[in-house]
C-alpha atoms as a PDB file:
ATOM      1  CA  MET A   1     -10.821  10.414  22.418  1.00  0.00           C
ATOM      2  CA  ARG A   2     -11.027   8.007  25.355  1.00  0.00           C
ATOM      3  CA  ALA A   3     -14.654   9.028  25.796  1.00  0.00           C
ATOM      4  CA  ARG A   4     -15.269   7.661  22.282  1.00  0.00           C
ATOM      5  CA  ASP A   5     -16.357  10.979  20.858  1.00  0.00           C
ATOM      6  CA  LYS A   6     -17.984   9.658  17.701  1.00  0.00           C
ATOM      7  CA  ALA A   7     -17.835  12.973  15.847  1.00  0.00           C
ATOM      8  CA  ALA A   8     -14.109  13.360  16.481  1.00  0.00           C
ATOM      9  CA  VAL A   9     -13.331   9.751  15.598  1.00  0.00           C
ATOM     10  CA  SER A  10     -15.343   9.946  12.372  1.00  0.00           C
ATOM     11  CA  ALA A  11     -13.801  13.264  11.324  1.00  0.00           C
ATOM     12  CA  LEU A  12     -10.258  12.157  12.083  1.00  0.00           C
ATOM     13  CA  ARG A  13     -10.603   8.818  10.309  1.00  0.00           C
ATOM     14  CA  ALA A  14     -11.984  10.446   7.169  1.00  0.00           C
ATOM     15  CA  THR A  15      -9.343  13.170   7.249  1.00  0.00           C
ATOM     16  CA  LEU A  16      -6.516  10.672   7.699  1.00  0.00           C
ATOM     17  CA  ALA A  17      -7.844   8.805   4.655  1.00  0.00           C
ATOM     18  CA  ALA A  18      -7.986  12.079   2.696  1.00  0.00           C
ATOM     19  CA  LEU A  19      -4.389  12.841   3.701  1.00  0.00           C
ATOM     20  CA  ASP A  20      -3.346   9.342   2.656  1.00  0.00           C
ATOM     21  CA  ASN A  21      -5.038   9.855  -0.722  1.00  0.00           C
ATOM     22  CA  ALA A  22      -3.359  13.248  -1.150  1.00  0.00           C
ATOM     23  CA  GLU A  23       0.040  11.616  -0.649  1.00  0.00           C
ATOM     24  CA  ALA A  24      -0.642   8.836  -3.153  1.00  0.00           C
ATOM     25  CA  VAL A  25       1.303   8.627  -6.361  1.00  0.00           C
ATOM     26  CA  PRO A  26      -0.856   9.600  -9.345  1.00  0.00           C
ATOM     27  CA  VAL A  27      -1.379   6.824 -11.850  1.00  0.00           C
ATOM     28  CA  GLY A  28      -0.889   7.844 -15.442  1.00  0.00           C
ATOM     29  CA  GLU A  29      -3.191   6.762 -18.226  1.00  0.00           C
ATOM     30  CA  ALA A  30      -0.448   4.676 -19.828  1.00  0.00           C
ATOM     31  CA  GLU A  31       0.037   2.747 -16.587  1.00  0.00           C
ATOM     32  CA  LEU A  32      -3.664   1.937 -16.447  1.00  0.00           C
ATOM     33  CA  ARG A  33      -3.572   0.241 -19.862  1.00  0.00           C
ATOM     34  CA  GLY A  34      -0.982  -2.240 -18.688  1.00  0.00           C
ATOM     35  CA  VAL A  35       1.886  -3.890 -20.465  1.00  0.00           C
ATOM     36  CA  ALA A  36       2.580  -7.306 -21.859  1.00  0.00           C
ATOM     37  CA  LEU A  37       2.930  -9.964 -19.179  1.00  0.00           C
ATOM     38  CA  GLU A  38       6.588 -10.591 -19.997  1.00  0.00           C
ATOM     39  CA  HIS A  39       7.351  -6.882 -19.388  1.00  0.00           C
ATOM     40  CA  SER A  40       5.447  -6.563 -16.130  1.00  0.00           C
ATOM     41  CA  PRO A  41       7.376  -5.974 -12.895  1.00  0.00           C
ATOM     42  CA  VAL A  42       7.898  -8.960 -10.618  1.00  0.00           C
ATOM     43  CA  GLY A  43       8.500  -9.257  -6.902  1.00  0.00           C
ATOM     44  CA  ALA A  44       7.229  -7.778  -3.673  1.00  0.00           C
ATOM     45  CA  GLY A  45       6.984  -4.016  -3.897  1.00  0.00           C
ATOM     46  CA  ALA A  46       7.937  -3.938  -7.571  1.00  0.00           C
ATOM     47  CA  THR A  47       5.030  -1.699  -8.402  1.00  0.00           C
ATOM     48  CA  GLU A  48       5.316   0.577  -5.377  1.00  0.00           C
ATOM     49  CA  GLY A  49       6.130   4.226  -5.941  1.00  0.00           C
ATOM     50  CA  VAL A  50       7.514   6.836  -3.619  1.00  0.00           C
ATOM     51  CA  ARG A  51       4.617   8.660  -1.975  1.00  0.00           C
ATOM     52  CA  HIS A  52       4.355  12.443  -2.011  1.00  0.00           C
ATOM     53  CA  GLU A  53       5.128  14.169   1.240  1.00  0.00           C
ATOM     54  CA  LEU A  54       2.690  16.954   2.029  1.00  0.00           C
ATOM     55  CA  SER A  55       3.982  20.180   3.498  1.00  0.00           C
ATOM     56  CA  GLU A  56       2.400  21.582   6.634  1.00  0.00           C
ATOM     57  CA  ARG A  57       0.420  23.932   4.418  1.00  0.00           C
ATOM     58  CA  GLY A  58      -0.709  21.000   2.265  1.00  0.00           C
ATOM     59  CA  VAL A  59      -1.920  19.135   5.353  1.00  0.00           C
ATOM     60  CA  ALA A  60      -3.773  22.252   6.550  1.00  0.00           C
ATOM     61  CA  ASP A  61      -5.387  22.614   3.106  1.00  0.00           C
ATOM     62  CA  VAL A  62      -6.664  19.026   3.207  1.00  0.00           C
ATOM     63  CA  VAL A  63      -7.990  19.470   6.754  1.00  0.00           C
ATOM     64  CA  ARG A  64      -9.675  22.747   5.764  1.00  0.00           C
ATOM     65  CA  ALA A  65     -11.244  21.096   2.703  1.00  0.00           C
ATOM     66  CA  GLU A  66     -12.604  18.263   4.835  1.00  0.00           C
ATOM     67  CA  ALA A  67     -14.120  20.742   7.311  1.00  0.00           C
ATOM     68  CA  THR A  68     -15.628  22.813   4.492  1.00  0.00           C
ATOM     69  CA  GLU A  69     -17.110  19.692   2.910  1.00  0.00           C
ATOM     70  CA  ARG A  70     -18.848  18.846   6.187  1.00  0.00           C
ATOM     71  CA  LEU A  71     -20.161  22.369   6.687  1.00  0.00           C
ATOM     72  CA  ASP A  72     -21.494  22.475   3.122  1.00  0.00           C
ATOM     73  CA  ALA A  73     -23.224  19.116   3.557  1.00  0.00           C
ATOM     74  CA  ALA A  74     -24.724  20.240   6.881  1.00  0.00           C
ATOM     75  CA  ALA A  75     -26.052  23.410   5.255  1.00  0.00           C
ATOM     76  CA  GLN A  76     -27.901  21.316   2.685  1.00  0.00           C
ATOM     77  CA  LEU A  77     -29.602  19.185   5.328  1.00  0.00           C
ATOM     78  CA  THR A  78     -32.423  21.564   6.212  1.00  0.00           C
ATOM     79  CA  THR A  79     -35.297  19.202   6.986  1.00  0.00           C
ATOM     80  CA  PRO A  80     -35.997  18.294  10.618  1.00  0.00           C
ATOM     81  CA  ALA A  81     -35.530  14.618   9.737  1.00  0.00           C
ATOM     82  CA  HIS A  82     -31.855  15.331   9.006  1.00  0.00           C
ATOM     83  CA  ALA A  83     -31.191  17.585  11.996  1.00  0.00           C
ATOM     84  CA  ASP A  84     -29.132  14.951  13.841  1.00  0.00           C
ATOM     85  CA  ARG A  85     -26.946  14.288  10.799  1.00  0.00           C
ATOM     86  CA  ALA A  86     -26.419  18.016  10.212  1.00  0.00           C
ATOM     87  CA  GLN A  87     -25.467  18.508  13.858  1.00  0.00           C
ATOM     88  CA  ARG A  88     -22.985  15.620  13.667  1.00  0.00           C
ATOM     89  CA  LEU A  89     -21.418  17.080  10.505  1.00  0.00           C
ATOM     90  CA  ARG A  90     -21.050  20.480  12.206  1.00  0.00           C
ATOM     91  CA  ALA A  91     -19.452  18.780  15.216  1.00  0.00           C
ATOM     92  CA  GLU A  92     -16.991  16.974  12.926  1.00  0.00           C
ATOM     93  CA  ALA A  93     -16.150  20.261  11.190  1.00  0.00           C
ATOM     94  CA  ALA A  94     -15.582  21.912  14.578  1.00  0.00           C
ATOM     95  CA  VAL A  95     -13.104  19.172  15.514  1.00  0.00           C
ATOM     96  CA  LEU A  96     -11.170  19.689  12.291  1.00  0.00           C
ATOM     97  CA  LEU A  97     -11.248  23.476  12.539  1.00  0.00           C
ATOM     98  CA  GLY A  98      -9.922  23.119  16.082  1.00  0.00           C
ATOM     99  CA  PHE A  99      -6.763  21.597  14.628  1.00  0.00           C
ATOM    100  CA  LEU A 100      -6.395  24.547  12.275  1.00  0.00           C
ATOM    101  CA  ASP A 101      -6.835  27.021  15.138  1.00  0.00           C
ATOM    102  CA  ASP A 102      -3.949  25.405  17.016  1.00  0.00           C
ATOM    103  CA  PRO A 103      -1.135  25.011  14.437  1.00  0.00           C
ATOM    104  CA  GLY A 104       0.959  22.987  16.894  1.00  0.00           C
ATOM    105  CA  THR A 105      -1.432  20.054  16.561  1.00  0.00           C
ATOM    106  CA  LEU A 106      -0.953  19.498  12.818  1.00  0.00           C
END
C-alpha cells in the first residue's frame, strides 16, 4: 500500500464502503414517512440504531460479491478503448480474491 497501488486502494475503499452498507440498519417504510414534529426524537444520537455485525462468512460474501462485480464489469468491456479500465477492474478483483485466498487477512 505504501507504493500507492491504485488498484488495491480503489478496491479496498469500495469494499469497505460495501461492508459499511451491509452493516447498516435497514430503514422501514414507516420510518421514511416520518412522524409529527412533536413526536420526533430529540438529542444527539437519538435516531441512531445499533448496526448489524457481520460474521466472518458475511464479510467474505461481501468481498466475493465485490470481486465478482469487478470481473463481470471487466468482461463487458471488450473494446480496445476500454482495455485499461478492464485491466484495472481485473487487478482490483485480484486484490479482493487474494484476501479470500488467505482467510487470516479477513
